[in-house]
Amino acid sequence: MSKRLKICIVASSLAKGGAERSSALLSQMLSDIGHDIHIVTVLSGVAYPFSGVHFNLGALKDSKDSFLSRVNRLLIFKKYLIANKFDIIIDNRSRIQAYREFLITKFIYTIPTIYVLHNYKTSKVFTKYTWLNKILYKDKVMTAVSKAATKKFRKKFKLKDIRTIYNGFDFDEINNKALEGVALENDFIIFYGRIDDEHKNLKLLLDSYKLSKLSKEGVKLLILGNGPDYDAIVQYSKDLKLENHIVFKGFIANPYPFVKNARFMVLSSRFEGFPMVIPETLSLGVPVISVDCKSGPKEVIKNEVNGLLVENFDKNALSEAMNSFIFDQPLYQNCKENAKKSVLHLEVQVIKEEWKQLLIDLKL
């Protein structure tokens, strides 16, 4: 067994988001290895199971959020790090505010730190100043959740130590949750995630569904999730005269029974880091149609093997892919049969070993 370490995982929160869910699962993986885990969250909220001690800085933010209170929270955070004598920090946050990240990187984090990159889009994970990012991070240890992101940021910011570690998945838990049951009367395809059109490009999804032959075949589109554009997307479905063919159910705490019973799942995002909904869906034996956005989908989906990968921003290509999975049954069945086994390399036990090796390589 490797040396027992005291690890501080820093996350935005433990609720409502892929990076947040990944942080919670990371706490469980590292705890299982035998490390002493603390999680510090910037925002309140716990929706995902985690291991270790939770220190919620978000509770202080909830009570007061002035400039002075933000400075005070940083000082409290620093005292917490010093008092607990951590061996290492694993930072899962987005690092986009220049002054804050300068303070954190130079004055708050005084012990070895691993910075985790959960997105391919630069503005979602780094400050807007390329020169500052190079100064702050070129000598830091980083992991990215896709090979494409690793390659991009290594070149962009001259990073010396960055590697890819995919998000891990507890597929047994996902399959067990999928058995909890739900009454489903109609044939349907599914999208589940945040209703944020800038990110998820749901108008492309609706346009493609409109162009496809699915509605004529009685195959509905089920959309699970909430977000800033929920009302706008509902209205857009009405503008397209699809209100009788698209079902909006809002946020569902356990989407997996719906996913398991879907014909297939569709992802239409403009960008991603590593879309967790793809491995989750495949693990349930359900194939996926995804646009080839940056980044992640093409690192999981093998075209016509476990799903279909189409050019991004092309509603005709996406609609034809939908039609293929309805009318080309040999293709559909082949992808369905290969779905589960195609994501075994992302199982939590495999990813746990990669984190274990990274910590060993750091020689703490």
Protein backbone atom coordinates (compact mmCIF):
# COMPACT_ATOMS: atom_id res chain seq x y z
CA MET A 1 0.00 0.00 0.00
CA SER A 2 1.18 3.54 -0.78
CA LYS A 3 1.88 6.08 1.97
CA ARG A 4 -1.25 7.37 3.73
CA LEU A 5 -1.67 11.02 2.81
CA LYS A 6 -3.80 13.79 4.20
CA ILE A 7 -5.51 15.26 1.14
CA CYS A 8 -7.59 18.40 0.73
CA ILE A 9 -9.94 18.29 -2.26
CA VAL A 10 -11.19 21.75 -3.21
CA ALA A 11 -14.42 21.91 -5.22
CA SER A 12 -17.01 24.49 -6.22
CA SER A 13 -19.67 22.47 -4.41
CA LEU A 14 -20.96 18.92 -4.04
CA ALA A 15 -24.16 19.54 -5.99
CA LYS A 16 -25.47 19.87 -9.56
CA GLY A 17 -22.60 19.50 -11.96
CA GLY A 18 -20.23 17.04 -13.59
CA ALA A 19 -17.11 18.53 -11.99
CA GLU A 20 -18.84 18.54 -8.61
CA ARG A 21 -19.95 14.93 -8.97
CA SER A 22 -16.45 13.97 -10.10
CA SER A 23 -14.98 15.69 -7.01
CA ALA A 24 -17.29 13.74 -4.73
CA LEU A 25 -16.38 10.46 -6.41
CA LEU A 26 -12.67 11.33 -6.22
CA SER A 27 -13.03 11.68 -2.45
CA GLN A 28 -14.45 8.16 -2.32
CA MET A 29 -11.74 6.71 -4.55
CA LEU A 30 -8.89 8.24 -2.57
CA SER A 31 -10.51 7.27 0.72
CA ASP A 32 -10.81 3.68 -0.52
CA ILE A 33 -7.08 3.68 -1.24
CA GLY A 34 -6.53 4.60 2.41
CA HIS A 35 -5.94 8.36 2.39
CA ASP A 36 -7.36 10.86 4.89
CA ILE A 37 -9.72 13.11 2.92
CA HIS A 38 -11.11 16.59 3.55
CA ILE A 39 -13.32 18.42 1.04
CA VAL A 40 -13.50 22.22 1.04
CA THR A 41 -16.37 23.66 -1.02
CA VAL A 42 -16.70 27.26 -2.16
CA LEU A 43 -20.49 27.01 -2.42
CA SER A 44 -23.08 25.27 -0.28
CA GLY A 45 -25.04 22.23 -1.41
CA VAL A 46 -24.55 18.48 -1.19
CA ALA A 47 -26.23 16.23 -3.76
CA TYR A 48 -23.57 13.56 -4.28
CA PRO A 49 -22.20 10.99 -1.83
CA PHE A 50 -18.66 11.72 -0.69
CA SER A 51 -16.05 10.49 1.78
CA GLY A 52 -14.16 12.45 4.39
CA VAL A 53 -14.63 15.69 6.31
CA HIS A 54 -16.60 18.47 4.59
CA PHE A 55 -15.66 22.08 5.32
CA ASN A 56 -18.30 24.32 3.74
CA LEU A 57 -16.92 27.80 2.99
CA GLY A 58 -20.17 28.37 1.12
CA ALA A 59 -22.02 28.73 4.42
CA LEU A 60 -19.96 31.87 5.09
CA LYS A 61 -20.67 33.14 1.58
CA ASP A 62 -24.41 32.56 2.13
CA SER A 63 -24.42 34.77 5.21
CA LYS A 64 -22.36 37.61 3.69
CA ASP A 65 -20.72 38.14 0.31
CA SER A 66 -19.02 41.54 0.34
CA PHE A 67 -15.45 42.12 -0.86
CA LEU A 68 -14.16 42.05 2.72
CA SER A 69 -16.04 38.83 3.44
CA ARG A 70 -14.41 37.22 0.36
CA VAL A 71 -10.98 38.19 1.66
CA ASN A 72 -11.96 36.86 5.06
CA ARG A 73 -13.00 33.52 3.54
CA LEU A 74 -9.59 33.21 1.88
CA LEU A 75 -7.91 33.82 5.24
CA ILE A 76 -10.15 31.24 6.93
CA PHE A 77 -9.33 28.79 4.14
CA LYS A 78 -5.60 29.37 4.61
CA LYS A 79 -5.90 28.83 8.37
CA TYR A 80 -7.78 25.59 7.71
CA LEU A 81 -5.00 24.34 5.43
CA ILE A 82 -2.32 25.24 7.98
CA ALA A 83 -4.19 23.79 10.96
CA ASN A 84 -4.77 20.45 9.24
CA LYS A 85 -1.22 20.05 7.90
CA PHE A 86 -2.26 18.56 4.57
CA ASP A 87 0.23 16.72 2.38
CA ILE A 88 -1.39 17.79 -0.87
CA ILE A 89 -4.28 19.81 -2.35
CA ILE A 90 -6.35 18.67 -5.34
CA ASP A 91 -8.11 21.72 -6.79
CA ASN A 92 -11.19 20.98 -8.93
CA ARG A 93 -12.48 24.56 -9.25
CA SER A 94 -12.70 26.74 -12.33
CA ARG A 95 -9.88 29.28 -12.06
CA ILE A 96 -11.12 32.28 -14.01
CA GLN A 97 -10.75 35.34 -11.72
CA ALA A 98 -7.24 36.69 -12.16
CA TYR A 99 -6.71 38.46 -8.81
CA ARG A 100 -8.21 35.59 -6.83
CA GLU A 101 -6.17 32.92 -8.58
CA PHE A 102 -2.98 34.92 -8.14
CA LEU A 103 -3.63 35.12 -4.39
CA ILE A 104 -4.60 31.47 -4.09
CA THR A 105 -1.72 30.11 -6.17
CA LYS A 106 0.97 32.32 -4.65
CA PHE A 107 -0.15 32.77 -1.04
CA ILE A 108 -2.87 30.26 -0.07
CA TYR A 109 -1.48 27.10 -1.64
CA THR A 110 1.95 26.66 -0.08
CA ILE A 111 2.04 22.84 -0.34
CA PRO A 112 2.06 20.54 -3.41
CA THR A 113 -1.11 21.00 -5.46
CA ILE A 114 -2.74 19.15 -8.35
CA TYR A 115 -4.95 21.33 -10.55
CA VAL A 116 -7.77 19.43 -12.30
CA LEU A 117 -9.12 20.80 -15.60
CA HIS A 118 -12.75 19.83 -16.19
CA ASN A 119 -13.38 21.68 -19.44
CA TYR A 120 -11.87 22.14 -22.89
CA LYS A 121 -12.95 25.78 -23.21
CA THR A 122 -10.17 28.02 -21.92
CA SER A 123 -12.51 30.64 -20.44
CA LYS A 124 -14.13 27.96 -18.26
CA VAL A 125 -10.91 26.82 -16.54
CA PHE A 126 -8.30 29.62 -16.74
CA THR A 127 -8.11 33.39 -16.41
CA LYS A 128 -8.36 35.47 -19.60
CA TYR A 129 -4.66 36.44 -19.37
CA THR A 130 -2.41 33.98 -21.18
CA TRP A 131 0.73 35.53 -19.69
CA LEU A 132 -0.64 35.17 -16.16
CA ASN A 133 -1.68 31.55 -16.71
CA LYS A 134 1.82 30.72 -17.90
CA ILE A 135 3.34 32.36 -14.80
CA LEU A 136 0.95 30.70 -12.37
CA TYR A 137 0.75 27.19 -13.79
CA LYS A 138 3.66 26.30 -16.09
CA ASP A 139 5.48 24.44 -13.29
CA LYS A 140 2.38 23.05 -11.58
CA VAL A 141 1.04 19.50 -11.69
CA MET A 142 -2.18 19.30 -13.68
CA THR A 143 -4.64 16.69 -14.87
CA ALA A 144 -7.24 17.10 -17.59
CA VAL A 145 -10.32 14.97 -18.13
CA SER A 146 -9.70 14.46 -21.86
CA LYS A 147 -6.69 13.90 -24.08
CA ALA A 148 -7.74 16.79 -26.29
CA ALA A 149 -7.73 19.19 -23.33
CA THR A 150 -4.35 17.88 -22.17
CA LYS A 151 -2.83 18.48 -25.60
CA LYS A 152 -4.41 21.92 -25.98
CA PHE A 153 -3.38 23.35 -22.60
CA ARG A 154 0.10 21.82 -22.61
CA LYS A 155 0.82 23.75 -25.80
CA LYS A 156 -1.13 26.93 -24.98
CA PHE A 157 0.42 27.56 -21.56
CA LYS A 158 3.71 25.64 -21.88
CA LEU A 159 2.68 23.28 -19.07
CA LYS A 160 5.48 20.95 -18.00
CA ASP A 161 3.51 18.37 -16.01
CA ILE A 162 0.01 17.60 -17.25
CA ARG A 163 -1.58 14.21 -17.84
CA THR A 164 -5.01 12.87 -18.73
CA ILE A 165 -7.04 11.12 -16.06
CA TYR A 166 -10.62 10.50 -17.13
CA ASN A 167 -13.53 10.92 -14.77
CA GLY A 168 -14.28 7.65 -13.01
CA PHE A 169 -17.71 6.02 -12.90
CA ASP A 170 -19.40 3.68 -10.46
CA PHE A 171 -21.26 1.71 -13.09
CA ASP A 172 -22.69 -0.76 -10.55
CA GLU A 173 -24.36 2.11 -8.71
CA ILE A 174 -25.70 3.58 -11.96
CA ASN A 175 -27.17 0.23 -13.00
CA ASN A 176 -28.72 -0.28 -9.57
CA LYS A 177 -30.33 3.16 -9.68
CA ALA A 178 -31.69 2.38 -13.14
CA LEU A 179 -33.67 -0.50 -11.63
CA GLU A 180 -35.63 1.74 -9.27
CA GLY A 181 -38.36 1.85 -11.88
CA VAL A 182 -40.45 4.44 -13.63
CA ALA A 183 -43.67 4.22 -15.62
CA LEU A 184 -42.88 4.81 -19.29
CA GLU A 185 -45.61 4.55 -21.88
CA ASN A 186 -44.02 6.01 -25.00
CA ASP A 187 -41.13 5.25 -27.29
CA PHE A 188 -38.54 8.00 -26.78
CA ILE A 189 -34.99 9.28 -27.12
CA ILE A 190 -33.40 11.33 -24.34
CA PHE A 191 -31.28 14.32 -23.47
CA TYR A 192 -30.36 14.88 -19.83
CA GLY A 193 -28.24 17.65 -18.40
CA ARG A 194 -28.19 21.37 -17.74
CA ILE A 195 -30.56 23.44 -19.86
CA ASP A 196 -27.95 25.97 -20.93
CA ASP A 197 -28.08 26.71 -24.66
CA GLU A 198 -24.69 28.45 -24.79
CA HIS A 199 -23.10 25.21 -23.63
CA LYS A 200 -25.45 22.39 -24.61
CA ASN A 201 -26.81 23.91 -27.86
CA LEU A 202 -30.29 22.55 -27.30
CA LYS A 203 -31.70 24.53 -30.22
CA LEU A 204 -29.53 22.37 -32.48
CA LEU A 205 -31.01 19.29 -30.82
CA LEU A 206 -34.58 20.51 -31.36
CA ASP A 207 -33.90 21.61 -34.94
CA SER A 208 -32.43 18.18 -35.72
CA TYR A 209 -35.32 16.34 -34.12
CA LYS A 210 -37.72 18.51 -36.14
CA LEU A 211 -35.92 17.57 -39.37
CA SER A 212 -35.83 13.87 -38.52
CA LYS A 213 -38.61 11.35 -39.08
CA LEU A 214 -38.82 10.42 -35.41
CA SER A 215 -41.96 12.37 -34.55
CA LYS A 216 -43.79 10.77 -37.47
CA GLU A 217 -42.74 7.37 -36.12
CA GLY A 218 -44.12 8.23 -32.67
CA VAL A 219 -40.68 8.50 -31.07
CA LYS A 220 -40.72 11.40 -28.61
CA LEU A 221 -37.82 13.48 -27.30
CA LEU A 222 -37.57 13.45 -23.51
CA ILE A 223 -35.57 16.31 -21.94
CA LEU A 224 -34.51 16.06 -18.29
CA GLY A 225 -32.88 18.99 -16.51
CA ASN A 226 -33.17 22.57 -15.38
CA GLY A 227 -31.07 25.61 -16.15
CA PRO A 228 -31.05 29.26 -17.17
CA ASP A 229 -32.60 28.61 -20.61
CA TYR A 230 -35.35 26.21 -19.56
CA ASP A 231 -38.25 28.56 -20.39
CA ALA A 232 -36.64 29.67 -23.65
CA ILE A 233 -36.14 26.08 -24.84
CA VAL A 234 -39.71 25.14 -23.92
CA GLN A 235 -40.89 28.14 -25.95
CA TYR A 236 -38.61 27.18 -28.84
CA SER A 237 -40.21 23.72 -28.92
CA LYS A 238 -43.57 25.47 -29.28
CA ASP A 239 -42.24 27.73 -32.01
CA LEU A 240 -41.24 24.58 -33.90
CA LYS A 241 -44.71 23.13 -33.22
CA LEU A 242 -43.16 20.21 -31.36
CA GLU A 243 -45.00 20.62 -28.05
CA ASN A 244 -46.82 17.30 -28.61
CA HIS A 245 -43.60 15.45 -29.35
CA ILE A 246 -41.13 16.82 -26.77
CA VAL A 247 -41.58 16.10 -23.07
CA PHE A 248 -39.86 18.34 -20.49
CA LYS A 249 -39.63 16.85 -17.00
CA GLY A 250 -37.25 19.29 -15.33
CA PHE A 251 -34.55 18.14 -12.95
CA ILE A 252 -34.80 14.46 -11.97
CA ALA A 253 -32.57 13.35 -9.09
CA ASN A 254 -32.31 9.85 -10.57
CA PRO A 255 -32.45 10.03 -14.37
CA TYR A 256 -31.13 6.51 -14.95
CA PRO A 257 -34.47 4.63 -15.18
CA PHE A 258 -35.42 7.00 -17.99
CA VAL A 259 -32.02 6.63 -19.67
CA LYS A 260 -32.16 2.84 -19.48
CA ASN A 261 -35.51 2.80 -21.25
CA ALA A 262 -34.59 5.27 -23.99
CA ARG A 263 -33.88 4.22 -27.56
CA PHE A 264 -30.72 6.32 -27.47
CA MET A 265 -29.26 9.48 -25.93
CA VAL A 266 -28.30 12.61 -27.88
CA LEU A 267 -25.60 15.17 -27.05
CA SER A 268 -25.49 18.39 -29.10
CA SER A 269 -23.03 20.52 -27.08
CA ARG A 270 -20.92 23.34 -28.45
CA PHE A 271 -18.10 22.29 -26.09
CA GLU A 272 -17.46 19.93 -23.19
CA GLY A 273 -14.63 18.79 -20.96
CA PHE A 274 -15.55 15.16 -20.66
CA PRO A 275 -19.35 14.65 -20.92
CA MET A 276 -20.19 12.22 -18.13
CA VAL A 277 -23.61 11.46 -19.61
CA ILE A 278 -21.97 9.51 -22.45
CA PRO A 279 -20.26 6.77 -20.34
CA GLU A 280 -23.26 6.70 -17.97
CA THR A 281 -25.63 6.05 -20.87
CA LEU A 282 -23.40 3.46 -22.53
CA SER A 283 -23.02 1.61 -19.21
CA LEU A 284 -26.79 1.05 -19.26
CA GLY A 285 -26.59 -0.63 -22.65
CA VAL A 286 -27.99 2.42 -24.46
CA PRO A 287 -26.15 3.76 -27.52
CA VAL A 288 -25.32 7.45 -27.97
CA ILE A 289 -25.47 9.94 -30.80
CA SER A 290 -23.14 12.88 -30.21
CA VAL A 291 -21.76 15.82 -32.12
CA ASP A 292 -17.98 15.81 -32.39
CA CYS A 293 -17.50 18.77 -30.06
CA LYS A 294 -14.33 19.68 -28.21
CA SER A 295 -13.68 17.63 -26.17
CA GLY A 296 -14.43 14.12 -24.99
CA PRO A 297 -17.07 12.46 -27.20
CA LYS A 298 -14.68 11.03 -29.78
CA GLU A 299 -12.50 9.64 -26.97
CA VAL A 300 -15.41 7.40 -25.93
CA ILE A 301 -17.66 6.97 -28.95
CA LYS A 302 -16.42 4.74 -31.75
CA ASN A 303 -18.55 5.60 -34.74
CA GLU A 304 -20.96 2.80 -35.69
CA VAL A 305 -19.54 0.61 -32.90
CA ASN A 306 -21.15 1.97 -29.72
CA GLY A 307 -22.80 5.08 -31.14
CA LEU A 308 -22.71 7.68 -33.87
CA LEU A 309 -20.40 10.69 -33.99
CA VAL A 310 -21.43 13.51 -36.33
CA GLU A 311 -20.01 16.86 -37.36
CA ASN A 312 -20.91 19.61 -34.90
CA PHE A 313 -23.37 22.42 -35.72
CA ASP A 314 -24.85 20.38 -38.60
CA LYS A 315 -28.56 19.79 -38.01
CA ASN A 316 -28.89 17.72 -41.18
CA ALA A 317 -26.14 15.32 -40.11
CA LEU A 318 -27.59 15.02 -36.61
CA SER A 319 -31.12 14.38 -37.91
CA GLU A 320 -29.84 11.72 -40.32
CA ALA A 321 -28.03 10.01 -37.45
CA MET A 322 -31.30 9.95 -35.50
CA ASN A 323 -33.04 8.41 -38.50
CA SER A 324 -30.29 5.79 -38.83
CA PHE A 325 -30.86 4.54 -35.31
CA ILE A 326 -34.58 4.13 -36.02
CA PHE A 327 -34.53 2.64 -39.50
CA ASP A 328 -31.19 0.80 -39.65
CA GLN A 329 -31.79 -1.88 -37.05
CA PRO A 330 -28.57 -3.90 -37.67
CA LEU A 331 -26.55 -0.71 -37.04
CA TYR A 332 -28.57 0.16 -33.96
CA GLN A 333 -28.38 -3.34 -32.47
CA ASN A 334 -24.63 -3.53 -33.07
CA CYS A 335 -24.09 -0.26 -31.19
CA LYS A 336 -26.44 -1.37 -28.41
CA GLU A 337 -24.62 -4.69 -27.96
CA ASN A 338 -21.23 -2.97 -27.73
CA ALA A 339 -22.32 -0.14 -25.42
CA LYS A 340 -21.58 -1.60 -21.97
CA LYS A 341 -18.21 -3.16 -22.71
CA SER A 342 -16.99 -0.02 -24.48
CA VAL A 343 -16.69 1.94 -21.21
CA LEU A 344 -15.12 -0.66 -18.91
CA HIS A 345 -11.83 1.31 -18.99
CA LEU A 346 -13.63 4.19 -17.21
CA GLU A 347 -14.82 2.09 -14.28
CA VAL A 348 -13.98 3.56 -10.90
CA GLN A 349 -11.50 0.78 -10.03
CA VAL A 350 -9.43 1.58 -13.12
CA ILE A 351 -9.41 5.36 -12.59
CA LYS A 352 -8.63 4.87 -8.90
CA GLU A 353 -5.38 3.14 -9.86
CA GLU A 354 -4.41 6.06 -12.11
CA TRP A 355 -4.86 8.53 -9.23
CA LYS A 356 -2.92 6.18 -6.96
CA GLN A 357 -0.03 6.14 -9.44
CA LEU A 358 -0.05 9.93 -9.80
CA LEU A 359 0.28 10.37 -6.04
CA ILE A 360 3.11 7.83 -5.98
CA ASP A 361 4.89 9.67 -8.82
CA LEU A 362 4.82 12.90 -6.82
CA LYS A 363 6.94 11.22 -4.10
CA LEU A 364 5.26 13.06 -1.24
